Amino acid sequence: MHRSSSSDARKKDTREKIELGGLIVKAGLRYEKRALLLGLLIDGQRRASEDEAERTRLSAIGAEAFGHDHE
């Protein structure tokens, strides 16, 4: 039982990482250096956690990008 639970957790973790990688591709950043990607993410996290208006603005940009999936 424990082995199955551990396997399920690994599968869930792997799926999540693949989905997160897909966001990098969707943002048009597939060929950027990892250091730049990490810097963008860290900067965005800091700005979003410190400024609710910035969090709202960035969320709107992302929601619009997801909305274009269905057109």
N, C-alpha and C. Protein backbone atom coordinates (compact mmCIF):
# COMPACT_ATOMS: atom_id res chain seq x y z
N MET A 1 0.83 -1.20 0.00
CA MET A 1 0.00 0.00 0.00
C MET A 1 0.86 1.25 0.00
N HIS A 2 1.87 1.28 0.86
CA HIS A 2 2.75 2.44 0.94
C HIS A 2 3.46 2.68 -0.38
N ARG A 3 3.86 1.61 -1.05
CA ARG A 3 4.57 1.73 -2.33
C ARG A 3 3.67 2.36 -3.39
N SER A 4 2.40 1.98 -3.42
CA SER A 4 1.45 2.53 -4.38
C SER A 4 1.22 4.01 -4.11
N SER A 5 1.11 4.37 -2.87
CA SER A 5 0.92 5.77 -2.50
C SER A 5 2.12 6.61 -2.91
N SER A 6 3.30 6.06 -2.70
CA SER A 6 4.53 6.73 -3.09
C SER A 6 4.61 6.89 -4.61
N SER A 7 4.21 5.87 -5.32
CA SER A 7 4.21 5.90 -6.78
C SER A 7 3.21 6.94 -7.29
N ASP A 8 2.04 7.00 -6.67
CA ASP A 8 1.03 7.98 -7.05
C ASP A 8 1.54 9.41 -6.81
N ALA A 9 2.23 9.60 -5.70
CA ALA A 9 2.77 10.92 -5.38
C ALA A 9 3.83 11.32 -6.41
N ARG A 10 4.66 10.38 -6.82
CA ARG A 10 5.69 10.68 -7.84
C ARG A 10 5.04 11.01 -9.17
N LYS A 11 3.99 10.27 -9.53
CA LYS A 11 3.29 10.55 -10.79
C LYS A 11 2.65 11.93 -10.76
N LYS A 12 2.04 12.27 -9.64
CA LYS A 12 1.41 13.59 -9.49
C LYS A 12 2.47 14.70 -9.60
N ASP A 13 3.60 14.50 -8.94
CA ASP A 13 4.69 15.47 -8.99
C ASP A 13 5.21 15.63 -10.41
N THR A 14 5.38 14.53 -11.12
CA THR A 14 5.87 14.57 -12.50
C THR A 14 4.88 15.31 -13.39
N ARG A 15 3.60 15.02 -13.25
CA ARG A 15 2.58 15.69 -14.06
C ARG A 15 2.60 17.20 -13.81
N GLU A 16 2.71 17.59 -12.54
CA GLU A 16 2.75 19.01 -12.19
C GLU A 16 3.95 19.69 -12.83
N LYS A 17 5.10 19.06 -12.80
CA LYS A 17 6.30 19.64 -13.40
C LYS A 17 6.15 19.78 -14.91
N ILE A 18 5.55 18.80 -15.55
CA ILE A 18 5.31 18.89 -16.99
C ILE A 18 4.37 20.04 -17.30
N GLU A 19 3.32 20.19 -16.53
CA GLU A 19 2.38 21.28 -16.74
C GLU A 19 3.05 22.64 -16.54
N LEU A 20 3.91 22.74 -15.54
CA LEU A 20 4.62 24.00 -15.30
C LEU A 20 5.58 24.31 -16.45
N GLY A 21 6.22 23.29 -16.99
CA GLY A 21 7.07 23.48 -18.16
C GLY A 21 6.27 23.98 -19.35
N GLY A 22 5.04 23.49 -19.47
CA GLY A 22 4.16 23.95 -20.53
C GLY A 22 3.86 25.43 -20.43
N LEU A 23 3.81 25.94 -19.22
CA LEU A 23 3.59 27.38 -19.05
C LEU A 23 4.77 28.18 -19.59
N ILE A 24 5.97 27.68 -19.40
CA ILE A 24 7.16 28.34 -19.94
C ILE A 24 7.07 28.40 -21.47
N VAL A 25 6.67 27.30 -22.08
CA VAL A 25 6.52 27.25 -23.54
C VAL A 25 5.43 28.21 -23.98
N LYS A 26 4.28 28.19 -23.30
CA LYS A 26 3.15 29.04 -23.66
C LYS A 26 3.53 30.52 -23.58
N ALA A 27 4.40 30.87 -22.65
CA ALA A 27 4.82 32.25 -22.48
C ALA A 27 5.86 32.67 -23.53
N GLY A 28 6.28 31.73 -24.37
CA GLY A 28 7.24 32.05 -25.41
C GLY A 28 8.68 32.09 -24.92
N LEU A 29 8.93 31.38 -23.83
CA LEU A 29 10.25 31.43 -23.20
C LEU A 29 11.03 30.12 -23.33
N ARG A 30 10.61 29.26 -24.23
CA ARG A 30 11.21 27.94 -24.37
C ARG A 30 12.73 27.98 -24.51
N TYR A 31 13.26 28.93 -25.23
CA TYR A 31 14.69 28.92 -25.55
C TYR A 31 15.52 29.88 -24.69
N GLU A 32 14.91 30.42 -23.66
CA GLU A 32 15.65 31.31 -22.77
C GLU A 32 16.51 30.49 -21.81
N LYS A 33 17.56 31.12 -21.32
CA LYS A 33 18.43 30.44 -20.35
C LYS A 33 17.70 30.24 -19.03
N ARG A 34 18.03 29.18 -18.38
CA ARG A 34 17.38 28.84 -17.11
C ARG A 34 17.55 29.94 -16.07
N ALA A 35 18.70 30.57 -16.04
CA ALA A 35 18.93 31.63 -15.06
C ALA A 35 17.94 32.79 -15.28
N LEU A 36 17.69 33.13 -16.53
CA LEU A 36 16.72 34.19 -16.83
C LEU A 36 15.33 33.76 -16.40
N LEU A 37 14.94 32.53 -16.72
CA LEU A 37 13.62 32.04 -16.33
C LEU A 37 13.44 32.10 -14.82
N LEU A 38 14.42 31.63 -14.10
CA LEU A 38 14.33 31.64 -12.65
C LEU A 38 14.27 33.07 -12.12
N GLY A 39 15.07 33.95 -12.70
CA GLY A 39 15.04 35.35 -12.30
C GLY A 39 13.68 35.98 -12.53
N LEU A 40 13.07 35.70 -13.69
CA LEU A 40 11.73 36.23 -13.97
C LEU A 40 10.72 35.72 -12.95
N LEU A 41 10.79 34.45 -12.66
CA LEU A 41 9.84 33.86 -11.72
C LEU A 41 10.03 34.41 -10.30
N ILE A 42 11.26 34.54 -9.87
CA ILE A 42 11.52 35.08 -8.53
C ILE A 42 11.06 36.53 -8.45
N ASP A 43 11.39 37.31 -9.47
CA ASP A 43 10.97 38.72 -9.48
C ASP A 43 9.45 38.83 -9.48
N GLY A 44 8.79 38.02 -10.32
CA GLY A 44 7.34 38.05 -10.37
C GLY A 44 6.71 37.65 -9.05
N GLN A 45 7.27 36.63 -8.42
CA GLN A 45 6.74 36.19 -7.12
C GLN A 45 6.88 37.29 -6.08
N ARG A 46 8.01 37.96 -6.07
CA ARG A 46 8.23 39.05 -5.10
C ARG A 46 7.25 40.19 -5.34
N ARG A 47 7.13 40.59 -6.61
CA ARG A 47 6.24 41.71 -6.92
C ARG A 47 4.79 41.35 -6.62
N ALA A 48 4.38 40.13 -6.95
CA ALA A 48 3.00 39.71 -6.72
C ALA A 48 2.68 39.59 -5.23
N SER A 49 3.66 39.19 -4.45
CA SER A 49 3.40 39.03 -3.01
C SER A 49 3.44 40.36 -2.26
N GLU A 50 4.07 41.36 -2.85
CA GLU A 50 4.19 42.66 -2.18
C GLU A 50 3.16 43.68 -2.63
N ASP A 51 2.50 43.44 -3.77
CA ASP A 51 1.63 44.46 -4.36
C ASP A 51 0.40 43.77 -4.96
N GLU A 52 -0.74 43.94 -4.31
CA GLU A 52 -1.96 43.28 -4.77
C GLU A 52 -2.38 43.75 -6.16
N ALA A 53 -2.15 45.02 -6.47
CA ALA A 53 -2.49 45.52 -7.81
C ALA A 53 -1.63 44.83 -8.88
N GLU A 54 -0.36 44.62 -8.57
CA GLU A 54 0.52 43.92 -9.51
C GLU A 54 0.09 42.47 -9.66
N ARG A 55 -0.31 41.85 -8.57
CA ARG A 55 -0.79 40.47 -8.62
C ARG A 55 -2.03 40.37 -9.53
N THR A 56 -2.93 41.33 -9.37
CA THR A 56 -4.14 41.37 -10.19
C THR A 56 -3.79 41.59 -11.65
N ARG A 57 -2.87 42.50 -11.93
CA ARG A 57 -2.46 42.80 -13.30
C ARG A 57 -1.84 41.56 -13.96
N LEU A 58 -0.95 40.90 -13.27
CA LEU A 58 -0.30 39.71 -13.82
C LEU A 58 -1.30 38.57 -14.01
N SER A 59 -2.22 38.43 -13.08
CA SER A 59 -3.25 37.40 -13.21
C SER A 59 -4.12 37.65 -14.44
N ALA A 60 -4.43 38.91 -14.71
CA ALA A 60 -5.24 39.25 -15.88
C ALA A 60 -4.50 38.91 -17.17
N ILE A 61 -3.21 39.16 -17.20
CA ILE A 61 -2.41 38.81 -18.38
C ILE A 61 -2.44 37.30 -18.60
N GLY A 62 -2.26 36.54 -17.54
CA GLY A 62 -2.28 35.09 -17.65
C GLY A 62 -3.65 34.57 -18.04
N ALA A 63 -4.70 35.11 -17.46
CA ALA A 63 -6.05 34.67 -17.80
C ALA A 63 -6.36 34.94 -19.26
N GLU A 64 -5.91 36.08 -19.77
CA GLU A 64 -6.12 36.40 -21.18
C GLU A 64 -5.39 35.39 -22.06
N ALA A 65 -4.16 35.04 -21.69
CA ALA A 65 -3.41 34.06 -22.47
C ALA A 65 -4.08 32.70 -22.47
N PHE A 66 -4.63 32.28 -21.33
CA PHE A 66 -5.35 31.02 -21.27
C PHE A 66 -6.64 31.10 -22.09
N GLY A 67 -7.28 32.26 -22.10
CA GLY A 67 -8.51 32.43 -22.86
C GLY A 67 -8.30 32.25 -24.34
N HIS A 68 -7.12 32.57 -24.82
CA HIS A 68 -6.81 32.42 -26.25
C HIS A 68 -6.69 30.95 -26.65
N ASP A 69 -6.58 30.05 -25.67
CA ASP A 69 -6.53 28.61 -25.96
C ASP A 69 -7.82 28.11 -26.59
N HIS A 70 -8.90 28.78 -26.29
CA HIS A 70 -10.21 28.29 -26.69
C HIS A 70 -10.76 28.99 -27.91
N GLU A 71 -9.96 29.81 -28.56
CA GLU A 71 -10.43 30.52 -29.74
C GLU A 71 -10.12 29.74 -31.00
